[in-house]
């Protein structure tokens, strides 16, 4: 299936790396003491990510779940510290995602074009929301930016046309260009 093209690419990349290892359906790479989830080899529609990586924290790597259109829900474990660039981009079937308080950053284009998402709770641990993080998530209806967030990237919520309510708190120090462009008709 072409929807697993990115996964095959990154799986091949890690299998040829000296620091790659597999836990169940998940492929990790450990570099300089940082554990990164680099590939998912399964095909679940409702997915719970590992609670930890061999007892340690980990980050969700770049493009791990890109274009996994069959994915409907994701529960992220309490040991995940960041969601990488394009981690879930193009997951149009994704309806719900649980982001734990361990996550401090949401990467660029992390949920790009996840049109099925209706709500996302950004926990109070997140300090930055990347460039185009929720770009074209047209199903989102409301979003609360917690006190912990200090920066919202350019076009972060661009064309999230379903959003009717945005709560931004005092802690935000920078909001990128077009961060909320096209959020209401």
Protein backbone atom coordinates (compact mmCIF):
# COMPACT_ATOMS: atom_id res chain seq x y z
CA UNK A 1 0.00 0.00 0.00
CA UNK A 2 1.30 3.43 -0.92
CA UNK A 3 0.10 4.81 2.42
CA UNK A 4 3.04 3.02 4.04
CA UNK A 5 5.67 4.42 1.67
CA UNK A 6 7.20 6.75 4.26
CA UNK A 7 7.22 3.97 6.84
CA UNK A 8 9.11 1.61 4.56
CA UNK A 9 11.60 4.37 3.77
CA UNK A 10 12.30 5.14 7.42
CA UNK A 11 12.27 1.48 8.45
CA UNK A 12 14.91 0.73 5.83
CA UNK A 13 16.88 3.75 7.00
CA UNK A 14 16.91 2.59 10.63
CA UNK A 15 17.55 -1.08 9.86
CA UNK A 16 20.75 0.03 8.18
CA UNK A 17 21.69 2.27 11.14
CA UNK A 18 23.84 0.91 13.96
CA UNK A 19 21.52 2.25 16.66
CA UNK A 20 18.20 0.92 15.36
CA UNK A 21 16.07 -1.56 17.27
CA UNK A 22 12.50 -2.88 17.25
CA UNK A 23 9.96 -3.07 20.08
CA UNK A 24 6.85 -4.86 18.80
CA UNK A 25 5.57 -2.96 15.75
CA UNK A 26 7.68 0.11 16.55
CA UNK A 27 11.15 0.88 15.23
CA UNK A 28 13.38 3.13 17.34
CA UNK A 29 16.76 4.70 16.86
CA UNK A 30 18.98 5.79 19.74
CA UNK A 31 21.47 8.53 18.92
CA UNK A 32 23.41 10.58 21.48
CA UNK A 33 21.14 9.34 24.26
CA UNK A 34 17.93 10.41 22.47
CA UNK A 35 15.40 7.72 21.58
CA UNK A 36 13.40 8.44 18.44
CA UNK A 37 10.40 6.50 17.15
CA UNK A 38 11.24 6.29 13.44
CA UNK A 39 8.73 3.80 12.03
CA UNK A 40 5.52 1.91 12.73
CA UNK A 41 5.25 -1.50 11.08
CA UNK A 42 1.66 -2.35 12.03
CA UNK A 43 -1.68 -1.38 10.56
CA UNK A 44 -3.91 -0.61 13.55
CA UNK A 45 -6.65 1.97 13.15
CA UNK A 46 -6.76 2.75 16.87
CA UNK A 47 -3.20 3.02 18.09
CA UNK A 48 -1.64 3.35 21.53
CA UNK A 49 2.02 4.28 21.34
CA UNK A 50 4.49 2.59 23.70
CA UNK A 51 4.44 3.89 27.28
CA UNK A 52 8.23 4.31 27.07
CA UNK A 53 11.31 3.20 25.16
CA UNK A 54 13.13 0.60 27.24
CA UNK A 55 12.21 2.56 30.36
CA UNK A 56 13.29 5.92 28.89
CA UNK A 57 11.63 8.90 27.22
CA UNK A 58 11.42 9.20 23.45
CA UNK A 59 10.41 11.58 20.68
CA UNK A 60 8.09 10.85 17.76
CA UNK A 61 10.31 11.25 14.71
CA UNK A 62 9.79 12.98 11.42
CA UNK A 63 7.03 11.63 9.13
CA UNK A 64 6.52 8.40 11.13
CA UNK A 65 2.78 8.26 10.45
CA UNK A 66 2.62 10.47 7.33
CA UNK A 67 -0.36 9.64 5.15
CA UNK A 68 -1.56 6.74 7.32
CA UNK A 69 -5.12 7.54 6.27
CA UNK A 70 -6.60 4.49 8.04
CA UNK A 71 -5.48 5.71 11.45
CA UNK A 72 -8.51 6.98 13.41
CA UNK A 73 -7.19 7.51 16.94
CA UNK A 74 -3.81 7.79 18.62
CA UNK A 75 -2.96 7.73 22.32
CA UNK A 76 0.54 9.01 23.00
CA UNK A 77 2.45 7.56 25.95
CA UNK A 78 3.56 9.62 28.95
CA UNK A 79 7.22 9.26 28.02
CA UNK A 80 6.94 11.16 24.73
CA UNK A 81 8.66 14.55 24.96
CA UNK A 82 8.00 15.96 21.48
CA UNK A 83 6.00 15.32 18.32
CA UNK A 84 8.28 15.63 15.30
CA UNK A 85 7.88 17.48 12.04
CA UNK A 86 5.21 15.99 9.78
CA UNK A 87 4.67 13.15 12.28
CA UNK A 88 0.97 12.74 11.44
CA UNK A 89 0.65 14.86 8.28
CA UNK A 90 -2.00 13.70 5.84
CA UNK A 91 -3.69 11.40 8.37
CA UNK A 92 -7.10 12.43 7.09
CA UNK A 93 -8.91 9.65 9.00
CA UNK A 94 -7.51 10.73 12.36
CA UNK A 95 -10.44 11.79 14.56
CA UNK A 96 -8.86 11.95 18.01
CA UNK A 97 -5.42 12.25 19.51
CA UNK A 98 -4.42 12.35 23.15
CA UNK A 99 -1.30 14.39 23.84
CA UNK A 100 0.15 13.80 27.32
CA UNK A 101 1.67 16.36 29.70
CA UNK A 102 5.15 15.06 28.89
CA UNK A 103 5.11 16.68 25.42
CA UNK A 104 6.86 20.06 25.28
CA UNK A 105 6.81 20.79 21.54
CA UNK A 106 4.62 20.09 18.53
CA UNK A 107 6.72 20.11 15.35
CA UNK A 108 6.29 21.81 12.01
CA UNK A 109 3.39 20.40 9.98
CA UNK A 110 2.89 17.73 12.69
CA UNK A 111 -0.86 17.42 11.98
CA UNK A 112 -0.90 19.02 8.52
CA UNK A 113 -4.19 18.34 6.69
CA UNK A 114 -5.64 16.09 9.42
CA UNK A 115 -9.12 17.07 8.26
CA UNK A 116 -10.90 14.54 10.51
CA UNK A 117 -9.62 16.02 13.80
CA UNK A 118 -12.46 17.75 15.63
CA UNK A 119 -10.72 18.63 18.86
CA UNK A 120 -7.21 18.65 20.23
CA UNK A 121 -6.29 19.31 23.83
CA UNK A 122 -2.88 20.92 23.97
CA UNK A 123 -1.47 20.12 27.41
CA UNK A 124 0.05 22.68 29.76
CA UNK A 125 3.52 21.25 29.12
CA UNK A 126 3.73 22.41 25.48
CA UNK A 127 5.86 25.53 25.00
CA UNK A 128 5.94 25.74 21.20
CA UNK A 129 3.56 24.96 18.37
CA UNK A 130 5.45 24.67 15.08
CA UNK A 131 5.05 26.16 11.64
CA UNK A 132 1.88 24.82 9.94
CA UNK A 133 1.36 22.41 12.89
CA UNK A 134 -2.43 22.16 12.34
CA UNK A 135 -2.51 23.53 8.77
CA UNK A 136 -5.85 22.79 7.05
CA UNK A 137 -7.29 20.83 10.00
CA UNK A 138 -10.71 21.97 8.80
CA UNK A 139 -12.62 19.75 11.26
CA UNK A 140 -11.27 21.52 14.37
CA UNK A 141 -14.01 23.55 16.06
CA UNK A 142 -12.22 25.03 19.05
CA UNK A 143 -8.73 25.31 20.40
CA UNK A 144 -7.32 26.42 23.74
CA UNK A 145 -3.72 27.53 23.85
CA UNK A 146 -2.44 26.84 27.38
CA UNK A 147 -0.37 29.18 29.56
CA UNK A 148 2.80 27.21 28.87
CA UNK A 149 2.87 28.08 25.13
CA UNK A 150 5.24 30.93 24.34
CA UNK A 151 5.35 30.64 20.53
CA UNK A 152 2.86 29.76 17.81
CA UNK A 153 4.47 29.20 14.42
CA UNK A 154 3.61 30.77 11.11
CA UNK A 155 0.39 29.37 9.60
CA UNK A 156 0.01 27.04 12.63
CA UNK A 157 -3.81 26.96 12.33
CA UNK A 158 -4.01 28.18 8.73
CA UNK A 159 -7.38 27.47 7.12
CA UNK A 160 -8.83 25.66 10.11
CA UNK A 161 -12.17 26.95 8.86
CA UNK A 162 -14.22 25.04 11.47
CA UNK A 163 -12.73 26.92 14.43
CA UNK A 164 -15.26 29.28 15.94
CA UNK A 165 -13.55 29.78 19.29
CA UNK A 166 -9.87 30.42 20.03
CA UNK A 167 -8.58 31.04 23.54
CA UNK A 168 -5.07 32.47 23.65
CA UNK A 169 -3.57 33.14 27.05
CA UNK A 170 -1.10 35.76 28.26
CA UNK A 171 1.99 33.53 28.04
CA UNK A 172 2.20 33.66 24.22
CA UNK A 173 5.09 35.93 23.25
CA UNK A 174 5.16 35.34 19.49
CA UNK A 175 2.52 34.47 16.92
CA UNK A 176 3.73 33.81 13.38
CA UNK A 177 2.28 35.35 10.23
CA UNK A 178 -1.05 33.89 9.14
CA UNK A 179 -1.22 31.70 12.26
CA UNK A 180 -5.02 31.82 12.25
CA UNK A 181 -5.68 32.86 8.65
CA UNK A 182 -8.95 31.54 7.24
CA UNK A 183 -10.23 30.20 10.56
CA UNK A 184 -13.77 31.47 9.98
CA UNK A 185 -15.79 32.23 6.89
